[in-house]
Amino acid sequence: MTIQEAQERVDQWIKTYGVRYFNELTNMAILSEEVGEVARIIARRYGEQSSKPSDEDKDLGDELADVLWVVMCLANQTGVDLDKALERNFAKKTARDNHRHLDNIKLKNKN
């Protein structure tokens, strides 16, 4: 599915099952919470922090999807077309960084 299709599906789900969107400030707080859940998994699974038994069944993909869901909610309720925004972002990054990372000695020396 495209990002636009995903935004439309989120919107339809909210209208069918969610009653209405939470307000933007509430969704921003929820986004922070969801990003924290992703960070917790990454810190324990790929970082140096040890896991707790309650961390073992956490699904990184599910938590990343939760982040996407809330981002799409915020985009929908603020009128942002994420397909177009992402295209503009690619163009901006390509123009700005087209040699920056290729010339970064820190990236070349990292194994």
PDB file of N, CA and C in Angstrom:
ATOM      1  N   MET A   1       0.843  -1.181   0.000  1.00  0.00           N
ATOM      2  CA  MET A   1       0.000   0.000   0.000  1.00  0.00           C
ATOM      3  C   MET A   1       0.883   1.237   0.000  1.00  0.00           C
ATOM      4  N   THR A   2       0.405   2.284  -0.599  1.00  0.00           N
ATOM      5  CA  THR A   2       1.143   3.542  -0.605  1.00  0.00           C
ATOM      6  C   THR A   2       0.933   4.257   0.731  1.00  0.00           C
ATOM      7  N   ILE A   3       1.718   5.269   0.958  1.00  0.00           N
ATOM      8  CA  ILE A   3       1.533   6.063   2.170  1.00  0.00           C
ATOM      9  C   ILE A   3       0.163   6.735   2.132  1.00  0.00           C
ATOM     10  N   GLN A   4      -0.229   7.237   0.972  1.00  0.00           N
ATOM     11  CA  GLN A   4      -1.542   7.871   0.846  1.00  0.00           C
ATOM     12  C   GLN A   4      -2.662   6.883   1.179  1.00  0.00           C
ATOM     13  N   GLU A   5      -2.540   5.666   0.667  1.00  0.00           N
ATOM     14  CA  GLU A   5      -3.546   4.644   0.982  1.00  0.00           C
ATOM     15  C   GLU A   5      -3.566   4.341   2.478  1.00  0.00           C
ATOM     16  N   ALA A   6      -2.394   4.301   3.083  1.00  0.00           N
ATOM     17  CA  ALA A   6      -2.326   4.045   4.523  1.00  0.00           C
ATOM     18  C   ALA A   6      -2.981   5.187   5.298  1.00  0.00           C
ATOM     19  N   GLN A   7      -2.718   6.425   4.893  1.00  0.00           N
ATOM     20  CA  GLN A   7      -3.362   7.561   5.552  1.00  0.00           C
ATOM     21  C   GLN A   7      -4.885   7.463   5.424  1.00  0.00           C
ATOM     22  N   GLU A   8      -5.361   7.075   4.260  1.00  0.00           N
ATOM     23  CA  GLU A   8      -6.800   6.933   4.048  1.00  0.00           C
ATOM     24  C   GLU A   8      -7.376   5.815   4.915  1.00  0.00           C
ATOM     25  N   ARG A   9      -6.647   4.704   5.032  1.00  0.00           N
ATOM     26  CA  ARG A   9      -7.124   3.596   5.871  1.00  0.00           C
ATOM     27  C   ARG A   9      -7.171   3.979   7.344  1.00  0.00           C
ATOM     28  N   VAL A  10      -6.158   4.708   7.800  1.00  0.00           N
ATOM     29  CA  VAL A  10      -6.174   5.194   9.180  1.00  0.00           C
ATOM     30  C   VAL A  10      -7.387   6.101   9.387  1.00  0.00           C
ATOM     31  N   ASP A  11      -7.614   7.013   8.451  1.00  0.00           N
ATOM     32  CA  ASP A  11      -8.745   7.930   8.560  1.00  0.00           C
ATOM     33  C   ASP A  11     -10.069   7.163   8.608  1.00  0.00           C
ATOM     34  N   GLN A  12     -10.209   6.170   7.743  1.00  0.00           N
ATOM     35  CA  GLN A  12     -11.433   5.372   7.721  1.00  0.00           C
ATOM     36  C   GLN A  12     -11.602   4.589   9.025  1.00  0.00           C
ATOM     37  N   TRP A  13     -10.516   4.052   9.550  1.00  0.00           N
ATOM     38  CA  TRP A  13     -10.585   3.318  10.813  1.00  0.00           C
ATOM     39  C   TRP A  13     -11.039   4.245  11.940  1.00  0.00           C
ATOM     40  N   ILE A  14     -10.420   5.429  12.004  1.00  0.00           N
ATOM     41  CA  ILE A  14     -10.789   6.394  13.049  1.00  0.00           C
ATOM     42  C   ILE A  14     -12.275   6.723  12.951  1.00  0.00           C
ATOM     43  N   LYS A  15     -12.759   6.968  11.741  1.00  0.00           N
ATOM     44  CA  LYS A  15     -14.164   7.336  11.555  1.00  0.00           C
ATOM     45  C   LYS A  15     -15.112   6.167  11.841  1.00  0.00           C
ATOM     46  N   THR A  16     -14.641   4.933  11.654  1.00  0.00           N
ATOM     47  CA  THR A  16     -15.479   3.754  11.874  1.00  0.00           C
ATOM     48  C   THR A  16     -15.432   3.279  13.321  1.00  0.00           C
ATOM     49  N   TYR A  17     -14.229   3.202  13.892  1.00  0.00           N
ATOM     50  CA  TYR A  17     -14.058   2.595  15.208  1.00  0.00           C
ATOM     51  C   TYR A  17     -13.575   3.559  16.292  1.00  0.00           C
ATOM     52  N   GLY A  18     -12.956   4.634  15.902  1.00  0.00           N
ATOM     53  CA  GLY A  18     -12.316   5.505  16.889  1.00  0.00           C
ATOM     54  C   GLY A  18     -13.145   6.679  17.342  1.00  0.00           C
ATOM     55  N   VAL A  19     -14.325   6.828  16.833  1.00  0.00           N
ATOM     56  CA  VAL A  19     -15.239   7.930  17.131  1.00  0.00           C
ATOM     57  C   VAL A  19     -14.725   9.226  16.512  1.00  0.00           C
ATOM     58  N   ARG A  20     -13.520   9.664  16.907  1.00  0.00           N
ATOM     59  CA  ARG A  20     -12.901  10.866  16.342  1.00  0.00           C
ATOM     60  C   ARG A  20     -11.407  10.803  16.656  1.00  0.00           C
ATOM     61  N   TYR A  21     -10.652  11.673  16.008  1.00  0.00           N
ATOM     62  CA  TYR A  21      -9.231  11.787  16.322  1.00  0.00           C
ATOM     63  C   TYR A  21      -9.071  12.393  17.711  1.00  0.00           C
ATOM     64  N   PHE A  22      -8.056  11.931  18.451  1.00  0.00           N
ATOM     65  CA  PHE A  22      -7.645  12.666  19.637  1.00  0.00           C
ATOM     66  C   PHE A  22      -7.124  14.013  19.146  1.00  0.00           C
ATOM     67  N   ASN A  23      -7.118  15.027  19.995  1.00  0.00           N
ATOM     68  CA  ASN A  23      -6.599  16.307  19.520  1.00  0.00           C
ATOM     69  C   ASN A  23      -5.093  16.200  19.268  1.00  0.00           C
ATOM     70  N   GLU A  24      -4.564  17.194  18.585  1.00  0.00           N
ATOM     71  CA  GLU A  24      -3.166  17.153  18.154  1.00  0.00           C
ATOM     72  C   GLU A  24      -2.194  17.044  19.325  1.00  0.00           C
ATOM     73  N   LEU A  25      -2.476  17.740  20.411  1.00  0.00           N
ATOM     74  CA  LEU A  25      -1.572  17.673  21.570  1.00  0.00           C
ATOM     75  C   LEU A  25      -1.588  16.279  22.198  1.00  0.00           C
ATOM     76  N   THR A  26      -2.764  15.678  22.272  1.00  0.00           N
ATOM     77  CA  THR A  26      -2.851  14.313  22.801  1.00  0.00           C
ATOM     78  C   THR A  26      -2.103  13.356  21.889  1.00  0.00           C
ATOM     79  N   ASN A  27      -2.284  13.498  20.578  1.00  0.00           N
ATOM     80  CA  ASN A  27      -1.579  12.614  19.646  1.00  0.00           C
ATOM     81  C   ASN A  27      -0.071  12.823  19.709  1.00  0.00           C
ATOM     82  N   MET A  28       0.378  14.045  19.964  1.00  0.00           N
ATOM     83  CA  MET A  28       1.817  14.279  20.114  1.00  0.00           C
ATOM     84  C   MET A  28       2.346  13.551  21.334  1.00  0.00           C
ATOM     85  N   ALA A  29       1.592  13.576  22.416  1.00  0.00           N
ATOM     86  CA  ALA A  29       2.000  12.848  23.626  1.00  0.00           C
ATOM     87  C   ALA A  29       2.009  11.340  23.367  1.00  0.00           C
ATOM     88  N   ILE A  30       1.002  10.855  22.650  1.00  0.00           N
ATOM     89  CA  ILE A  30       0.941   9.429  22.321  1.00  0.00           C
ATOM     90  C   ILE A  30       2.124   9.046  21.434  1.00  0.00           C
ATOM     91  N   LEU A  31       2.479   9.912  20.475  1.00  0.00           N
ATOM     92  CA  LEU A  31       3.632   9.650  19.607  1.00  0.00           C
ATOM     93  C   LEU A  31       4.907   9.535  20.440  1.00  0.00           C
ATOM     94  N   SER A  32       5.074  10.420  21.384  1.00  0.00           N
ATOM     95  CA  SER A  32       6.258  10.359  22.262  1.00  0.00           C
ATOM     96  C   SER A  32       6.292   9.048  23.025  1.00  0.00           C
ATOM     97  N   GLU A  33       5.144   8.625  23.513  1.00  0.00           N
ATOM     98  CA  GLU A  33       5.056   7.358  24.237  1.00  0.00           C
ATOM     99  C   GLU A  33       5.433   6.184  23.331  1.00  0.00           C
ATOM    100  N   GLU A  34       4.910   6.177  22.111  1.00  0.00           N
ATOM    101  CA  GLU A  34       5.199   5.075  21.185  1.00  0.00           C
ATOM    102  C   GLU A  34       6.673   5.044  20.789  1.00  0.00           C
ATOM    103  N   VAL A  35       7.271   6.210  20.568  1.00  0.00           N
ATOM    104  CA  VAL A  35       8.704   6.270  20.254  1.00  0.00           C
ATOM    105  C   VAL A  35       9.515   5.752  21.436  1.00  0.00           C
ATOM    106  N   GLY A  36       9.059   6.042  22.640  1.00  0.00           N
ATOM    107  CA  GLY A  36       9.718   5.516  23.839  1.00  0.00           C
ATOM    108  C   GLY A  36       9.682   3.999  23.888  1.00  0.00           C
ATOM    109  N   GLU A  37       8.567   3.412  23.452  1.00  0.00           N
ATOM    110  CA  GLU A  37       8.475   1.948  23.432  1.00  0.00           C
ATOM    111  C   GLU A  37       9.444   1.355  22.413  1.00  0.00           C
ATOM    112  N   VAL A  38       9.605   2.023  21.273  1.00  0.00           N
ATOM    113  CA  VAL A  38      10.595   1.573  20.282  1.00  0.00           C
ATOM    114  C   VAL A  38      11.997   1.687  20.878  1.00  0.00           C
ATOM    115  N   ALA A  39      12.274   2.804  21.533  1.00  0.00           N
ATOM    116  CA  ALA A  39      13.597   3.019  22.130  1.00  0.00           C
ATOM    117  C   ALA A  39      13.905   1.956  23.180  1.00  0.00           C
ATOM    118  N   ARG A  40      12.913   1.587  23.955  1.00  0.00           N
ATOM    119  CA  ARG A  40      13.112   0.568  24.988  1.00  0.00           C
ATOM    120  C   ARG A  40      13.530  -0.770  24.361  1.00  0.00           C
ATOM    121  N   ILE A  41      12.849  -1.166  23.293  1.00  0.00           N
ATOM    122  CA  ILE A  41      13.195  -2.426  22.615  1.00  0.00           C
ATOM    123  C   ILE A  41      14.606  -2.344  22.040  1.00  0.00           C
ATOM    124  N   ILE A  42      14.918  -1.254  21.359  1.00  0.00           N
ATOM    125  CA  ILE A  42      16.237  -1.100  20.734  1.00  0.00           C
ATOM    126  C   ILE A  42      17.341  -1.109  21.797  1.00  0.00           C
ATOM    127  N   ALA A  43      17.125  -0.400  22.896  1.00  0.00           N
ATOM    128  CA  ALA A  43      18.137  -0.329  23.957  1.00  0.00           C
ATOM    129  C   ALA A  43      18.425  -1.700  24.553  1.00  0.00           C
ATOM    130  N   ARG A  44      17.383  -2.511  24.667  1.00  0.00           N
ATOM    131  CA  ARG A  44      17.555  -3.823  25.294  1.00  0.00           C
ATOM    132  C   ARG A  44      18.006  -4.890  24.305  1.00  0.00           C
ATOM    133  N   ARG A  45      17.500  -4.826  23.093  1.00  0.00           N
ATOM    134  CA  ARG A  45      17.813  -5.863  22.114  1.00  0.00           C
ATOM    135  C   ARG A  45      19.128  -5.603  21.399  1.00  0.00           C
ATOM    136  N   TYR A  46      19.424  -4.342  21.110  1.00  0.00           N
ATOM    137  CA  TYR A  46      20.614  -4.018  20.313  1.00  0.00           C
ATOM    138  C   TYR A  46      21.634  -3.192  21.089  1.00  0.00           C
ATOM    139  N   GLY A  47      21.224  -2.641  22.203  1.00  0.00           N
ATOM    140  CA  GLY A  47      22.117  -1.822  23.020  1.00  0.00           C
ATOM    141  C   GLY A  47      22.674  -2.616  24.182  1.00  0.00           C
ATOM    142  N   GLU A  48      23.148  -1.904  25.154  1.00  0.00           N
ATOM    143  CA  GLU A  48      23.832  -2.519  26.280  1.00  0.00           C
ATOM    144  C   GLU A  48      22.943  -2.733  27.495  1.00  0.00           C
ATOM    145  N   GLN A  49      21.704  -2.249  27.428  1.00  0.00           N
ATOM    146  CA  GLN A  49      20.813  -2.408  28.576  1.00  0.00           C
ATOM    147  C   GLN A  49      20.264  -3.824  28.613  1.00  0.00           C
ATOM    148  N   SER A  50      20.191  -4.387  29.821  1.00  0.00           N
ATOM    149  CA  SER A  50      19.684  -5.750  29.955  1.00  0.00           C
ATOM    150  C   SER A  50      18.159  -5.759  29.889  1.00  0.00           C
ATOM    151  N   SER A  51      17.620  -6.885  29.456  1.00  0.00           N
ATOM    152  CA  SER A  51      16.176  -7.042  29.321  1.00  0.00           C
ATOM    153  C   SER A  51      15.552  -7.481  30.639  1.00  0.00           C
ATOM    154  N   LYS A  52      14.278  -7.161  30.752  1.00  0.00           N
ATOM    155  CA  LYS A  52      13.460  -7.664  31.843  1.00  0.00           C
ATOM    156  C   LYS A  52      12.557  -8.732  31.246  1.00  0.00           C
ATOM    157  N   PRO A  53      12.056  -9.650  32.054  1.00  0.00           N
ATOM    158  CA  PRO A  53      11.160 -10.677  31.508  1.00  0.00           C
ATOM    159  C   PRO A  53       9.981 -10.085  30.734  1.00  0.00           C
ATOM    160  N   SER A  54       9.496  -8.932  31.167  1.00  0.00           N
ATOM    161  CA  SER A  54       8.360  -8.307  30.474  1.00  0.00           C
ATOM    162  C   SER A  54       8.732  -7.751  29.099  1.00  0.00           C
ATOM    163  N   ASP A  55      10.032  -7.645  28.799  1.00  0.00           N
ATOM    164  CA  ASP A  55      10.484  -7.125  27.508  1.00  0.00           C
ATOM    165  C   ASP A  55      10.579  -8.204  26.435  1.00  0.00           C
ATOM    166  N   GLU A  56      10.617  -9.450  26.842  1.00  0.00           N
ATOM    167  CA  GLU A  56      10.926 -10.539  25.918  1.00  0.00           C
ATOM    168  C   GLU A  56       9.927 -10.693  24.771  1.00  0.00           C
ATOM    169  N   ASP A  57       8.659 -10.441  25.013  1.00  0.00           N
ATOM    170  CA  ASP A  57       7.647 -10.677  23.976  1.00  0.00           C
ATOM    171  C   ASP A  57       7.308  -9.424  23.176  1.00  0.00           C
ATOM    172  N   LYS A  58       8.063  -8.350  23.360  1.00  0.00           N
ATOM    173  CA  LYS A  58       7.793  -7.109  22.642  1.00  0.00           C
ATOM    174  C   LYS A  58       8.182  -7.262  21.172  1.00  0.00           C
ATOM    175  N   ASP A  59       7.314  -6.795  20.286  1.00  0.00           N
ATOM    176  CA  ASP A  59       7.506  -6.906  18.846  1.00  0.00           C
ATOM    177  C   ASP A  59       7.904  -5.542  18.281  1.00  0.00           C
ATOM    178  N   LEU A  60       9.143  -5.416  17.825  1.00  0.00           N
ATOM    179  CA  LEU A  60       9.638  -4.151  17.296  1.00  0.00           C
ATOM    180  C   LEU A  60       8.788  -3.669  16.119  1.00  0.00           C
ATOM    181  N   GLY A  61       8.431  -4.574  15.220  1.00  0.00           N
ATOM    182  CA  GLY A  61       7.607  -4.190  14.068  1.00  0.00           C
ATOM    183  C   GLY A  61       6.278  -3.605  14.494  1.00  0.00           C
ATOM    184  N   ASP A  62       5.660  -4.204  15.491  1.00  0.00           N
ATOM    185  CA  ASP A  62       4.378  -3.703  15.986  1.00  0.00           C
ATOM    186  C   ASP A  62       4.534  -2.309  16.586  1.00  0.00           C
ATOM    187  N   GLU A  63       5.602  -2.106  17.317  1.00  0.00           N
ATOM    188  CA  GLU A  63       5.821  -0.789  17.934  1.00  0.00           C
ATOM    189  C   GLU A  63       6.143   0.267  16.880  1.00  0.00           C
ATOM    190  N   LEU A  64       6.925  -0.096  15.856  1.00  0.00           N
ATOM    191  CA  LEU A  64       7.194   0.846  14.766  1.00  0.00           C
ATOM    192  C   LEU A  64       5.907   1.192  14.018  1.00  0.00           C
ATOM    193  N   ALA A  65       5.042   0.200  13.839  1.00  0.00           N
ATOM    194  CA  ALA A  65       3.753   0.453  13.191  1.00  0.00           C
ATOM    195  C   ALA A  65       2.895   1.390  14.042  1.00  0.00           C
ATOM    196  N   ASP A  66       2.968   1.266  15.362  1.00  0.00           N
ATOM    197  CA  ASP A  66       2.254   2.193  16.240  1.00  0.00           C
ATOM    198  C   ASP A  66       2.735   3.628  16.019  1.00  0.00           C
ATOM    199  N   VAL A  67       4.049   3.799  15.851  1.00  0.00           N
ATOM    200  CA  VAL A  67       4.606   5.127  15.581  1.00  0.00           C
ATOM    201  C   VAL A  67       4.049   5.657  14.255  1.00  0.00           C
ATOM    202  N   LEU A  68       4.081   4.822  13.228  1.00  0.00           N
ATOM    203  CA  LEU A  68       3.538   5.238  11.925  1.00  0.00           C
ATOM    204  C   LEU A  68       2.069   5.614  12.022  1.00  0.00           C
ATOM    205  N   TRP A  69       1.305   4.836  12.765  1.00  0.00           N
ATOM    206  CA  TRP A  69      -0.131   5.096  12.935  1.00  0.00           C
ATOM    207  C   TRP A  69      -0.360   6.512  13.467  1.00  0.00           C
ATOM    208  N   VAL A  70       0.363   6.849  14.545  1.00  0.00           N
ATOM    209  CA  VAL A  70       0.146   8.158  15.164  1.00  0.00           C
ATOM    210  C   VAL A  70       0.658   9.277  14.256  1.00  0.00           C
ATOM    211  N   VAL A  71       1.759   9.045  13.555  1.00  0.00           N
ATOM    212  CA  VAL A  71       2.249  10.039  12.591  1.00  0.00           C
ATOM    213  C   VAL A  71       1.181  10.286  11.524  1.00  0.00           C
ATOM    214  N   MET A  72       0.551   9.209  11.057  1.00  0.00           N
ATOM    215  CA  MET A  72      -0.499   9.357  10.044  1.00  0.00           C
ATOM    216  C   MET A  72      -1.728  10.060  10.611  1.00  0.00           C
ATOM    217  N   CYS A  73      -2.052   9.795  11.860  1.00  0.00           N
ATOM    218  CA  CYS A  73      -3.152  10.532  12.497  1.00  0.00           C
ATOM    219  C   CYS A  73      -2.842  12.021  12.516  1.00  0.00           C
ATOM    220  N   LEU A  74      -1.644  12.378  12.946  1.00  0.00           N
ATOM    221  CA  LEU A  74      -1.261  13.787  12.991  1.00  0.00           C
ATOM    222  C   LEU A  74      -1.262  14.411  11.598  1.00  0.00           C
ATOM    223  N   ALA A  75      -0.773  13.667  10.615  1.00  0.00           N
ATOM    224  CA  ALA A  75      -0.781  14.175   9.240  1.00  0.00           C
ATOM    225  C   ALA A  75      -2.213  14.394   8.766  1.00  0.00           C
ATOM    226  N   ASN A  76      -3.072  13.428   8.998  1.00  0.00           N
ATOM    227  CA  ASN A  76      -4.462  13.553   8.565  1.00  0.00           C
ATOM    228  C   ASN A  76      -5.140  14.763   9.196  1.00  0.00           C
ATOM    229  N   GLN A  77      -4.973  14.931  10.475  1.00  0.00           N
ATOM    230  CA  GLN A  77      -5.714  15.986  11.143  1.00  0.00           C
ATOM    231  C   GLN A  77      -5.112  17.371  10.925  1.00  0.00           C
ATOM    232  N   THR A  78      -3.900  17.437  10.386  1.00  0.00           N
ATOM    233  CA  THR A  78      -3.289  18.735  10.087  1.00  0.00           C
ATOM    234  C   THR A  78      -3.180  18.992   8.587  1.00  0.00           C
ATOM    235  N   GLY A  79      -3.740  18.080   7.780  1.00  0.00           N
ATOM    236  CA  GLY A  79      -3.790  18.285   6.337  1.00  0.00           C
ATOM    237  C   GLY A  79      -2.487  18.034   5.596  1.00  0.00           C
ATOM    238  N   VAL A  80      -1.636  17.200   6.139  1.00  0.00           N
ATOM    239  CA  VAL A  80      -0.355  16.897   5.492  1.00  0.00           C
ATOM    240  C   VAL A  80      -0.496  15.644   4.645  1.00  0.00           C
ATOM    241  N   ASP A  81      -0.137  15.741   3.381  1.00  0.00           N
ATOM    242  CA  ASP A  81      -0.062  14.598   2.474  1.00  0.00           C
ATOM    243  C   ASP A  81       1.352  14.032   2.607  1.00  0.00           C
ATOM    244  N   LEU A  82       1.489  12.919   3.299  1.00  0.00           N
ATOM    245  CA  LEU A  82       2.817  12.365   3.571  1.00  0.00           C
ATOM    246  C   LEU A  82       3.533  11.885   2.316  1.00  0.00           C
ATOM    247  N   ASP A  83       2.793  11.436   1.290  1.00  0.00           N
ATOM    248  CA  ASP A  83       3.437  11.075   0.014  1.00  0.00           C
ATOM    249  C   ASP A  83       4.192  12.270  -0.544  1.00  0.00           C
ATOM    250  N   LYS A  84       3.512  13.405  -0.632  1.00  0.00           N
ATOM    251  CA  LYS A  84       4.137  14.615  -1.180  1.00  0.00           C
ATOM    252  C   LYS A  84       5.238  15.129  -0.263  1.00  0.00           C
ATOM    253  N   ALA A  85       4.989  15.088   1.042  1.00  0.00           N
ATOM    254  CA  ALA A  85       5.988  15.570   1.995  1.00  0.00           C
ATOM    255  C   ALA A  85       7.266  14.727   1.925  1.00  0.00           C
ATOM    256  N   LEU A  86       7.109  13.419   1.783  1.00  0.00           N
ATOM    257  CA  LEU A  86       8.278  12.553   1.699  1.00  0.00           C
ATOM    258  C   LEU A  86       9.051  12.791   0.397  1.00  0.00           C
ATOM    259  N   GLU A  87       8.336  12.997  -0.701  1.00  0.00           N
ATOM    260  CA  GLU A  87       9.014  13.321  -1.971  1.00  0.00           C
ATOM    261  C   GLU A  87       9.829  14.603  -1.832  1.00  0.00           C
ATOM    262  N   ARG A  88       9.234  15.632  -1.219  1.00  0.00           N
ATOM    263  CA  ARG A  88       9.961  16.894  -1.006  1.00  0.00           C
ATOM    264  C   ARG A  88      11.172  16.670  -0.104  1.00  0.00           C
ATOM    265  N   ASN A  89      11.010  15.796   0.895  1.00  0.00           N
ATOM    266  CA  ASN A  89      12.089  15.518   1.822  1.00  0.00           C
ATOM    267  C   ASN A  89      13.257  14.823   1.133  1.00  0.00           C
ATOM    268  N   PHE A  90      12.940  13.867   0.244  1.00  0.00           N
ATOM    269  CA  PHE A  90      13.998  13.208  -0.537  1.00  0.00           C
ATOM    270  C   PHE A  90      14.763  14.236  -1.370  1.00  0.00           C
ATOM    271  N   ALA A  91      14.026  15.127  -2.024  1.00  0.00           N
ATOM    272  CA  ALA A  91      14.670  16.149  -2.865  1.00  0.00           C
ATOM    273  C   ALA A  91      15.555  17.056  -2.015  1.00  0.00           C
ATOM    274  N   LYS A  92      15.065  17.471  -0.865  1.00  0.00           N
ATOM    275  CA  LYS A  92      15.835  18.345   0.030  1.00  0.00           C
ATOM    276  C   LYS A  92      17.109  17.645   0.494  1.00  0.00           C
ATOM    277  N   LYS A  93      16.974  16.404   0.940  1.00  0.00           N
ATOM    278  CA  LYS A  93      18.138  15.676   1.441  1.00  0.00           C
ATOM    279  C   LYS A  93      19.154  15.403   0.330  1.00  0.00           C
ATOM    280  N   THR A  94      18.667  15.102  -0.859  1.00  0.00           N
ATOM    281  CA  THR A  94      19.566  14.836  -1.978  1.00  0.00           C
ATOM    282  C   THR A  94      20.344  16.091  -2.354  1.00  0.00           C
ATOM    283  N   ALA A  95      19.658  17.228  -2.408  1.00  0.00           N
ATOM    284  CA  ALA A  95      20.338  18.481  -2.752  1.00  0.00           C
ATOM    285  C   ALA A  95      21.332  18.881  -1.665  1.00  0.00           C
ATOM    286  N   ARG A  96      20.955  18.712  -0.434  1.00  0.00           N
ATOM    287  CA  ARG A  96      21.783  19.166   0.687  1.00  0.00           C
ATOM    288  C   ARG A  96      22.917  18.200   1.019  1.00  0.00           C
ATOM    289  N   ASP A  97      22.644  16.906   0.928  1.00  0.00           N
ATOM    290  CA  ASP A  97      23.576  15.903   1.465  1.00  0.00           C
ATOM    291  C   ASP A  97      24.148  14.955   0.408  1.00  0.00           C
ATOM    292  N   ASN A  98      24.079  15.339  -0.870  1.00  0.00           N
ATOM    293  CA  ASN A  98      24.472  14.386  -1.905  1.00  0.00           C
ATOM    294  C   ASN A  98      25.944  13.971  -1.839  1.00  0.00           C
ATOM    295  N   HIS A  99      26.792  14.738  -1.147  1.00  0.00           N
ATOM    296  CA  HIS A  99      28.191  14.333  -0.975  1.00  0.00           C
ATOM    297  C   HIS A  99      28.580  14.236   0.498  1.00  0.00           C
ATOM    298  N   ARG A 100      27.777  14.792   1.351  1.00  0.00           N
ATOM    299  CA  ARG A 100      28.129  14.889   2.772  1.00  0.00           C
ATOM    300  C   ARG A 100      28.457  13.528   3.377  1.00  0.00           C
ATOM    301  N   HIS A 101      27.599  12.550   3.165  1.00  0.00           N
ATOM    302  CA  HIS A 101      27.820  11.238   3.770  1.00  0.00           C
ATOM    303  C   HIS A 101      28.880  10.438   3.014  1.00  0.00           C
ATOM    304  N   LEU A 102      28.913  10.608   1.702  1.00  0.00           N
ATOM    305  CA  LEU A 102      29.930   9.913   0.910  1.00  0.00           C
ATOM    306  C   LEU A 102      31.337  10.370   1.282  1.00  0.00           C
ATOM    307  N   ASP A 103      31.454  11.641   1.664  1.00  0.00           N
ATOM    308  CA  ASP A 103      32.759  12.199   2.025  1.00  0.00           C
ATOM    309  C   ASP A 103      33.067  12.113   3.519  1.00  0.00           C
ATOM    310  N   ASN A 104      32.182  11.530   4.286  1.00  0.00           N
ATOM    311  CA  ASN A 104      32.350  11.467   5.736  1.00  0.00           C
ATOM    312  C   ASN A 104      33.326  10.360   6.099  1.00  0.00           C
ATOM    313  N   ILE A 105      34.486  10.753   6.542  1.00  0.00           N
ATOM    314  CA  ILE A 105      35.539   9.785   6.893  1.00  0.00           C
ATOM    315  C   ILE A 105      35.099   8.888   8.039  1.00  0.00           C
ATOM    316  N   LYS A 106      34.256   9.399   8.933  1.00  0.00           N
ATOM    317  CA  LYS A 106      33.772   8.593  10.051  1.00  0.00           C
ATOM    318  C   LYS A 106      32.938   7.423   9.563  1.00  0.00           C
ATOM    319  N   LEU A 107      32.194   7.614   8.503  1.00  0.00           N
ATOM    320  CA  LEU A 107      31.394   6.519   7.957  1.00  0.00           C
ATOM    321  C   LEU A 107      32.247   5.518   7.196  1.00  0.00           C
ATOM    322  N   LYS A 108      33.277   5.996   6.525  1.00  0.00           N
ATOM    323  CA  LYS A 108      34.146   5.114   5.753  1.00  0.00           C
ATOM    324  C   LYS A 108      34.997   4.209   6.644  1.00  0.00           C
ATOM    325  N   ASN A 109      35.357   4.683   7.816  1.00  0.00           N
ATOM    326  CA  ASN A 109      36.242   3.931   8.699  1.00  0.00           C
ATOM    327  C   ASN A 109      35.490   3.018   9.652  1.00  0.00           C
ATOM    328  N   LYS A 110      34.188   3.059   9.642  1.00  0.00           N
ATOM    329  CA  LYS A 110      33.364   2.240  10.563  1.00  0.00           C
ATOM    330  C   LYS A 110      33.110   0.886   9.931  1.00  0.00           C
ATOM    331  N   ASN A 111      33.395  -0.179  10.669  1.00  0.00           N
ATOM    332  CA  ASN A 111      33.133  -1.533  10.152  1.00  0.00           C
ATOM    333  C   ASN A 111      31.828  -2.048  10.620  1.00  0.00           C
TER     334      ASN A 111
END
